[in-house]
Amino acid sequence: MPDPVLEPFTAENTTILMVDYSVGFLNSFRSHTVSDHLTATVALAQIGLNFHTGFVVNLGRGQKPYPQLAEVLGDHPILYRGGEYNALDNPDVLKAVEATKRPRLAIGGISTDGCVIETAFGALRRGYTVALVADATAGETLETHNLAVQRMVQAGVIPVTWLSLATELQYDWSKGDTAQAYFNIIAEASPGVMASVQAEHSTDGS
């Protein structure tokens, strides 16, 4: 049986699940700077829109998405649930995730020690292999974020970043159908990394 940690996340086996990126929370969670959190959140959404994964976005009833996220999502549907801390306890969210027919979830959201950890544990109980997109997830403080991440990892959740997830999905930088989107996301979210990539390619003749 393949090791779930070593088996790659692919477009065919992965659904990206975004949880509670509500504008009302944006200034309440300080484990990351607002700028860094927004950058990672938008990058994660762009991955979901461009890499042919499953992609489910949900908020609580009455919440409004970050404006930067809403702009990227365009007409992609947002599901609104009730009071469930575990998003998968909501029938509509669960139905949308199950409809993707993928056994792996990459979860990001607010807050690390609230709805995100409960959704991750709920997914594990349902048999999913779960990754936490840690830099696109935030808690009230760095301590609460780190402790929640540690608890999830102890339970079997795989920690990733938006860039490591995108790179694993891309797998080969020359793969034509998503390569341009991959580099566009990096250029917008991490221009320093993109400058290094461009410099490397300019010197190796590729």
Protein backbone atom coordinates (compact mmCIF):
# COMPACT_ATOMS: atom_id res chain seq x y z
CA MET A 1 0.00 0.00 0.00
CA PRO A 2 1.43 3.43 -0.93
CA ASP A 3 2.58 5.65 1.94
CA PRO A 4 -0.01 8.48 2.07
CA VAL A 5 2.72 10.96 3.00
CA LEU A 6 4.88 10.02 0.02
CA GLU A 7 2.12 9.54 -2.55
CA PRO A 8 1.95 12.77 -4.57
CA PHE A 9 -1.00 15.12 -4.55
CA THR A 10 -2.29 15.30 -8.12
CA ALA A 11 -5.14 17.02 -9.90
CA GLU A 12 -6.80 13.63 -10.25
CA ASN A 13 -6.71 12.73 -6.54
CA THR A 14 -7.00 16.10 -4.77
CA THR A 15 -9.78 18.50 -3.84
CA ILE A 16 -8.89 21.92 -2.44
CA LEU A 17 -11.29 22.90 0.34
CA MET A 18 -11.32 26.54 1.47
CA VAL A 19 -13.02 27.21 4.81
CA ASP A 20 -14.31 30.48 6.29
CA TYR A 21 -12.18 33.11 4.59
CA SER A 22 -14.53 35.76 5.95
CA VAL A 23 -13.66 39.44 5.80
CA GLY A 24 -14.94 39.82 9.36
CA PHE A 25 -12.11 37.58 10.58
CA LEU A 26 -9.30 39.10 8.55
CA ASN A 27 -7.94 41.42 11.24
CA SER A 28 -8.64 39.07 14.15
CA PHE A 29 -6.09 36.36 13.44
CA ARG A 30 -2.46 37.38 13.82
CA SER A 31 -0.43 34.23 13.36
CA HIS A 32 0.53 35.66 9.96
CA THR A 33 0.66 39.20 8.69
CA VAL A 34 -2.47 40.23 6.83
CA SER A 35 -0.43 40.72 3.68
CA ASP A 36 1.18 37.28 3.83
CA HIS A 37 -2.12 35.61 4.66
CA LEU A 38 -3.94 37.29 1.77
CA THR A 39 -1.15 36.41 -0.64
CA ALA A 40 -1.25 32.74 0.33
CA THR A 41 -5.05 32.63 0.31
CA VAL A 42 -5.31 34.11 -3.17
CA ALA A 43 -2.57 31.79 -4.41
CA LEU A 44 -4.44 28.76 -3.05
CA ALA A 45 -7.63 29.87 -4.81
CA GLN A 46 -5.73 30.34 -8.06
CA ILE A 47 -4.36 26.81 -7.71
CA GLY A 48 -7.89 25.49 -7.27
CA LEU A 49 -9.12 27.37 -10.32
CA ASN A 50 -6.23 26.53 -12.64
CA PHE A 51 -4.96 23.05 -11.80
CA HIS A 52 -8.09 20.99 -12.55
CA THR A 53 -8.35 19.71 -8.98
CA GLY A 54 -11.62 19.47 -7.16
CA PHE A 55 -12.32 22.89 -5.66
CA VAL A 56 -14.88 23.65 -2.95
CA VAL A 57 -15.22 27.03 -1.20
CA ASN A 58 -17.45 27.52 1.81
CA LEU A 59 -18.28 30.15 4.40
CA GLY A 60 -20.56 30.33 7.39
CA ARG A 61 -24.02 31.78 7.05
CA GLY A 62 -23.88 35.56 6.74
CA GLN A 63 -20.15 35.70 6.10
CA LYS A 64 -18.59 37.61 3.22
CA PRO A 65 -15.39 36.46 1.51
CA TYR A 66 -12.22 38.51 1.49
CA PRO A 67 -12.60 41.00 -1.39
CA GLN A 68 -9.29 39.82 -2.87
CA LEU A 69 -10.55 36.24 -2.77
CA ALA A 70 -13.93 37.14 -4.24
CA GLU A 71 -12.22 38.89 -7.14
CA VAL A 72 -10.18 35.78 -7.96
CA LEU A 73 -13.12 33.41 -7.55
CA GLY A 74 -15.33 35.29 -9.99
CA ASP A 75 -18.43 33.17 -10.57
CA HIS A 76 -17.07 30.07 -8.84
CA PRO A 77 -19.76 28.98 -6.37
CA ILE A 78 -19.43 29.58 -2.63
CA LEU A 79 -21.38 27.26 -0.34
CA TYR A 80 -22.83 28.69 2.87
CA ARG A 81 -23.29 26.40 5.84
CA GLY A 82 -24.91 26.77 9.24
CA GLY A 83 -23.15 26.59 12.58
CA GLU A 84 -21.08 23.48 11.94
CA TYR A 85 -17.43 23.84 12.96
CA ASN A 86 -16.65 20.77 10.85
CA ALA A 87 -17.59 21.94 7.37
CA LEU A 88 -18.14 18.33 6.27
CA ASP A 89 -20.99 18.03 8.76
CA ASN A 90 -22.93 20.31 6.44
CA PRO A 91 -24.80 18.20 3.84
CA ASP A 92 -24.21 20.64 0.98
CA VAL A 93 -20.48 20.92 1.61
CA LEU A 94 -20.13 17.17 2.03
CA LYS A 95 -22.07 16.55 -1.18
CA ALA A 96 -19.86 18.98 -3.10
CA VAL A 97 -16.67 17.38 -1.78
CA GLU A 98 -17.91 13.84 -2.47
CA ALA A 99 -18.98 14.87 -5.98
CA THR A 100 -15.34 15.57 -6.88
CA LYS A 101 -14.63 11.84 -6.39
CA ARG A 102 -11.15 12.51 -5.06
CA PRO A 103 -9.68 10.80 -1.98
CA ARG A 104 -7.40 13.65 -0.87
CA LEU A 105 -8.26 17.04 0.59
CA ALA A 106 -5.98 20.07 0.83
CA ILE A 107 -7.59 22.35 3.40
CA GLY A 108 -6.94 26.00 4.14
CA GLY A 109 -8.94 28.51 6.12
CA ILE A 110 -9.78 30.37 9.31
CA SER A 111 -9.15 29.61 12.08
CA THR A 112 -6.48 26.99 12.51
CA ASP A 113 -7.71 25.96 15.96
CA GLY A 114 -11.41 26.29 15.11
CA CYS A 115 -13.17 25.29 11.93
CA VAL A 116 -10.01 24.22 10.13
CA ILE A 117 -8.89 21.63 12.68
CA GLU A 118 -12.45 20.33 13.11
CA THR A 119 -12.87 20.00 9.34
CA ALA A 120 -9.50 18.26 9.02
CA PHE A 121 -10.41 15.77 11.74
CA GLY A 122 -13.82 15.25 10.18
CA ALA A 123 -12.16 14.48 6.86
CA LEU A 124 -9.77 12.00 8.49
CA ARG A 125 -12.69 10.23 10.12
CA ARG A 126 -14.32 9.89 6.70
CA GLY A 127 -11.21 8.23 5.30
CA TYR A 128 -9.68 11.12 3.38
CA THR A 129 -5.96 11.76 3.19
CA VAL A 130 -5.71 15.35 4.41
CA ALA A 131 -3.17 18.10 3.83
CA LEU A 132 -3.19 21.42 5.66
CA VAL A 133 -2.10 24.40 3.59
CA ALA A 134 -0.47 25.96 6.62
CA ASP A 135 0.56 29.33 5.22
CA ALA A 136 -2.94 29.90 3.83
CA THR A 137 -4.39 29.18 7.28
CA ALA A 138 -4.32 31.50 10.27
CA GLY A 139 -5.03 31.47 14.00
CA GLU A 140 -5.51 34.13 16.64
CA THR A 141 -1.82 33.98 17.60
CA LEU A 142 1.25 32.20 16.32
CA GLU A 143 1.12 29.94 19.38
CA THR A 144 -2.47 28.84 18.82
CA HIS A 145 -1.77 28.29 15.11
CA ASN A 146 1.35 26.23 15.76
CA LEU A 147 -0.28 24.10 18.46
CA ALA A 148 -3.25 23.35 16.23
CA VAL A 149 -0.93 22.43 13.35
CA GLN A 150 1.06 20.17 15.68
CA ARG A 151 -2.10 18.43 16.84
CA MET A 152 -3.27 17.89 13.26
CA VAL A 153 0.12 16.48 12.22
CA GLN A 154 0.02 14.09 15.19
CA ALA A 155 -3.36 12.88 13.90
CA GLY A 156 -1.98 12.25 10.40
CA VAL A 157 -2.57 15.53 8.56
CA ILE A 158 0.19 16.39 6.07
CA PRO A 159 1.48 19.98 6.34
CA VAL A 160 2.11 21.78 3.04
CA THR A 161 2.42 25.35 1.77
CA TRP A 162 0.64 26.82 -1.23
CA LEU A 163 3.91 26.71 -3.18
CA SER A 164 4.75 23.12 -2.28
CA LEU A 165 1.20 22.06 -3.19
CA ALA A 166 1.34 23.88 -6.53
CA THR A 167 4.75 22.40 -7.28
CA GLU A 168 3.57 18.89 -6.43
CA LEU A 169 0.51 19.32 -8.63
CA GLN A 170 2.64 20.72 -11.46
CA TYR A 171 5.32 18.03 -10.93
CA ASP A 172 7.15 18.96 -14.14
CA TRP A 173 7.66 22.66 -14.85
CA SER A 174 7.41 22.03 -18.58
CA LYS A 175 4.00 20.31 -18.43
CA GLY A 176 2.10 22.41 -20.92
CA ASP A 177 -1.50 22.56 -19.74
CA THR A 178 -0.79 24.18 -16.35
CA ALA A 179 2.80 25.42 -16.61
CA GLN A 180 1.86 29.00 -17.47
CA ALA A 181 -0.65 29.20 -14.63
CA TYR A 182 1.96 27.75 -12.26
CA PHE A 183 4.50 30.42 -13.12
CA ASN A 184 1.89 33.18 -13.12
CA ILE A 185 0.84 32.28 -9.58
CA ILE A 186 4.45 32.26 -8.40
CA ALA A 187 5.18 35.57 -10.12
CA GLU A 188 2.24 37.22 -8.35
CA ALA A 189 2.59 35.62 -4.92
CA SER A 190 6.36 35.19 -4.67
CA PRO A 191 8.19 37.42 -7.14
CA GLY A 192 11.54 36.68 -5.49
CA VAL A 193 11.15 32.98 -6.21
CA MET A 194 10.09 33.77 -9.77
CA ALA A 195 13.16 35.95 -10.29
CA SER A 196 15.35 33.05 -9.18
CA VAL A 197 13.57 30.67 -11.57
CA GLN A 198 14.04 33.09 -14.45
CA ALA A 199 17.72 33.56 -13.62
CA GLU A 200 18.26 29.81 -13.47
CA HIS A 201 16.59 29.23 -16.81
CA SER A 202 18.53 32.05 -18.43
CA THR A 203 21.84 30.41 -17.47
CA ASP A 204 21.08 26.77 -18.26
CA GLY A 205 19.99 27.39 -21.83
CA SER A 206 16.36 26.24 -21.31
